[in-house]
C-alpha atoms as a PDB file:
ATOM      1  CA  MET A   1      65.268  78.197-281.282  1.00  0.00           C
ATOM      2  CA  LEU A   2      64.472  80.687-284.000  1.00  0.00           C
ATOM      3  CA  VAL A   3      64.723  79.650-287.629  1.00  0.00           C
ATOM      4  CA  SER A   4      64.594  81.967-290.597  1.00  0.00           C
ATOM      5  CA  ASN A   5      62.659  80.773-293.632  1.00  0.00           C
ATOM      6  CA  SER A   6      62.804  82.010-297.232  1.00  0.00           C
ATOM      7  CA  SER A   7      60.432  84.942-296.667  1.00  0.00           C
ATOM      8  CA  SER A   8      62.895  86.350-294.085  1.00  0.00           C
ATOM      9  CA  SER A   9      60.463  86.002-291.202  1.00  0.00           C
ATOM     10  CA  THR A  10      61.336  83.998-288.109  1.00  0.00           C
ATOM     11  CA  VAL A  11      59.508  80.897-286.917  1.00  0.00           C
ATOM     12  CA  ASN A  12      59.763  79.555-283.373  1.00  0.00           C
ATOM     13  CA  VAL A  13      60.646  75.833-283.600  1.00  0.00           C
ATOM     14  CA  LYS A  14      59.922  73.864-280.429  1.00  0.00           C
ATOM     15  CA  MET A  15      61.775  70.725-279.398  1.00  0.00           C
ATOM     16  CA  ALA A  16      58.920  69.303-277.316  1.00  0.00           C
ATOM     17  CA  SER A  17      55.168  69.720-277.442  1.00  0.00           C
ATOM     18  CA  ASP A  18      52.854  70.961-274.730  1.00  0.00           C
ATOM     19  CA  GLY A  19      50.983  67.678-275.078  1.00  0.00           C
ATOM     20  CA  VAL A  20      47.982  66.108-276.686  1.00  0.00           C
ATOM     21  CA  TRP A  21      45.666  67.866-274.235  1.00  0.00           C
ATOM     22  CA  GLN A  22      46.676  71.228-275.723  1.00  0.00           C
ATOM     23  CA  GLY A  23      45.648  70.054-279.197  1.00  0.00           C
ATOM     24  CA  GLU A  24      49.163  69.459-280.527  1.00  0.00           C
ATOM     25  CA  ASN A  25      50.463  66.338-282.219  1.00  0.00           C
ATOM     26  CA  PRO A  26      53.531  65.325-280.173  1.00  0.00           C
ATOM     27  CA  LEU A  27      55.084  63.589-283.189  1.00  0.00           C
ATOM     28  CA  ASP A  28      55.476  66.956-284.932  1.00  0.00           C
ATOM     29  CA  PHE A  29      58.297  67.777-282.514  1.00  0.00           C
ATOM     30  CA  ALA A  30      61.858  66.467-282.313  1.00  0.00           C
ATOM     31  CA  LEU A  31      62.126  64.837-278.876  1.00  0.00           C
ATOM     32  CA  PRO A  32      58.875  62.831-278.811  1.00  0.00           C
ATOM     33  CA  LEU A  33      59.537  61.646-282.370  1.00  0.00           C
ATOM     34  CA  LEU A  34      63.052  60.527-281.387  1.00  0.00           C
ATOM     35  CA  ALA A  35      61.635  58.578-278.434  1.00  0.00           C
ATOM     36  CA  VAL A  36      59.113  56.795-280.684  1.00  0.00           C
ATOM     37  CA  GLN A  37      61.799  55.970-283.262  1.00  0.00           C
ATOM     38  CA  ILE A  38      64.092  54.510-280.599  1.00  0.00           C
ATOM     39  CA  ALA A  39      61.234  52.441-279.163  1.00  0.00           C
ATOM     40  CA  VAL A  40      60.348  51.079-282.625  1.00  0.00           C
ATOM     41  CA  ILE A  41      63.962  50.161-283.369  1.00  0.00           C
ATOM     42  CA  LEU A  42      64.318  48.361-280.023  1.00  0.00           C
ATOM     43  CA  ALA A  43      61.009  46.505-280.496  1.00  0.00           C
ATOM     44  CA  VAL A  44      61.920  45.374-284.016  1.00  0.00           C
ATOM     45  CA  THR A  45      65.353  44.246-282.821  1.00  0.00           C
ATOM     46  CA  GLN A  46      63.851  42.213-279.978  1.00  0.00           C
ATOM     47  CA  GLY A  47      61.240  40.684-282.285  1.00  0.00           C
ATOM     48  CA  LEU A  48      63.820  39.732-284.891  1.00  0.00           C
ATOM     49  CA  ALA A  49      66.104  38.269-282.213  1.00  0.00           C
ATOM     50  CA  LEU A  50      63.184  36.167-280.990  1.00  0.00           C
ATOM     51  CA  ALA A  51      62.415  35.030-284.542  1.00  0.00           C
ATOM     52  CA  LEU A  52      66.070  34.095-285.161  1.00  0.00           C
ATOM     53  CA  ARG A  53      66.404  32.172-281.897  1.00  0.00           C
ATOM     54  CA  PRO A  54      65.264  28.815-283.420  1.00  0.00           C
ATOM     55  CA  LEU A  55      68.037  29.236-285.996  1.00  0.00           C
ATOM     56  CA  ARG A  56      70.533  29.599-283.107  1.00  0.00           C
ATOM     57  CA  GLN A  57      71.534  33.094-284.158  1.00  0.00           C
ATOM     58  CA  PRO A  58      72.814  35.445-281.462  1.00  0.00           C
ATOM     59  CA  LYS A  59      71.077  38.724-280.711  1.00  0.00           C
ATOM     60  CA  VAL A  60      73.875  40.655-282.398  1.00  0.00           C
ATOM     61  CA  VAL A  61      72.752  39.268-285.784  1.00  0.00           C
ATOM     62  CA  ALA A  62      69.319  40.837-285.277  1.00  0.00           C
ATOM     63  CA  GLU A  63      70.962  44.103-284.219  1.00  0.00           C
ATOM     64  CA  ILE A  64      73.127  44.153-287.341  1.00  0.00           C
ATOM     65  CA  LEU A  65      70.173  43.407-289.623  1.00  0.00           C
ATOM     66  CA  VAL A  66      68.003  46.107-288.061  1.00  0.00           C
ATOM     67  CA  SER A  67      70.764  48.717-288.049  1.00  0.00           C
ATOM     68  CA  SER A  68      71.714  48.060-291.672  1.00  0.00           C
ATOM     69  CA  SER A  69      68.098  48.217-292.824  1.00  0.00           C
ATOM     70  CA  PHE A  70      67.553  51.381-290.769  1.00  0.00           C
ATOM     71  CA  ILE A  71      70.627  53.031-292.279  1.00  0.00           C
ATOM     72  CA  SER A  72      69.433  52.111-295.779  1.00  0.00           C
ATOM     73  CA  PHE A  73      65.971  53.489-295.027  1.00  0.00           C
ATOM     74  CA  LEU A  74      67.470  56.664-293.603  1.00  0.00           C
ATOM     75  CA  TYR A  75      69.658  57.111-296.697  1.00  0.00           C
ATOM     76  CA  ILE A  76      66.632  56.735-298.988  1.00  0.00           C
ATOM     77  CA  CYS A  77      64.623  59.252-296.953  1.00  0.00           C
ATOM     78  CA  VAL A  78      67.456  61.787-297.013  1.00  0.00           C
ATOM     79  CA  MET A  79      67.939  61.394-300.752  1.00  0.00           C
ATOM     80  CA  LEU A  80      64.204  61.855-301.381  1.00  0.00           C
ATOM     81  CA  PHE A  81      64.155  64.872-299.067  1.00  0.00           C
ATOM     82  CA  TRP A  82      67.012  66.608-300.879  1.00  0.00           C
ATOM     83  CA  ARG A  83      65.634  65.764-304.330  1.00  0.00           C
ATOM     84  CA  THR A  84      62.223  67.247-303.711  1.00  0.00           C
ATOM     85  CA  GLY A  85      63.741  70.242-301.975  1.00  0.00           C
ATOM     86  CA  GLU A  86      60.966  70.346-299.395  1.00  0.00           C
ATOM     87  CA  ARG A  87      61.920  71.831-296.092  1.00  0.00           C
ATOM     88  CA  LYS A  88      58.982  71.800-293.739  1.00  0.00           C
ATOM     89  CA  ILE A  89      59.111  73.833-290.556  1.00  0.00           C
ATOM     90  CA  HIS A  90      56.467  73.076-287.948  1.00  0.00           C
ATOM     91  CA  HIS A  91      55.249  75.888-285.767  1.00  0.00           C
END
């Protein structure tokens, strides 16, 4: 995918990295970062469900709490991103 930045030159944006062995940080790319985010959300949900088990709360309560906190966090990040006006493109 080619993306044009403000200086009217094109930058090649990659979805996946060539790997750590090539000297790249995989978390600078979209797909590996998405996989890590999904894994973190699932781990936090499972941990919270385990912590709420003595209170006899079903797993869906943990899922609702994690999803609502994630949506709030995402909203804050988006608002900060648009306020600062920073648009970073990794190459």
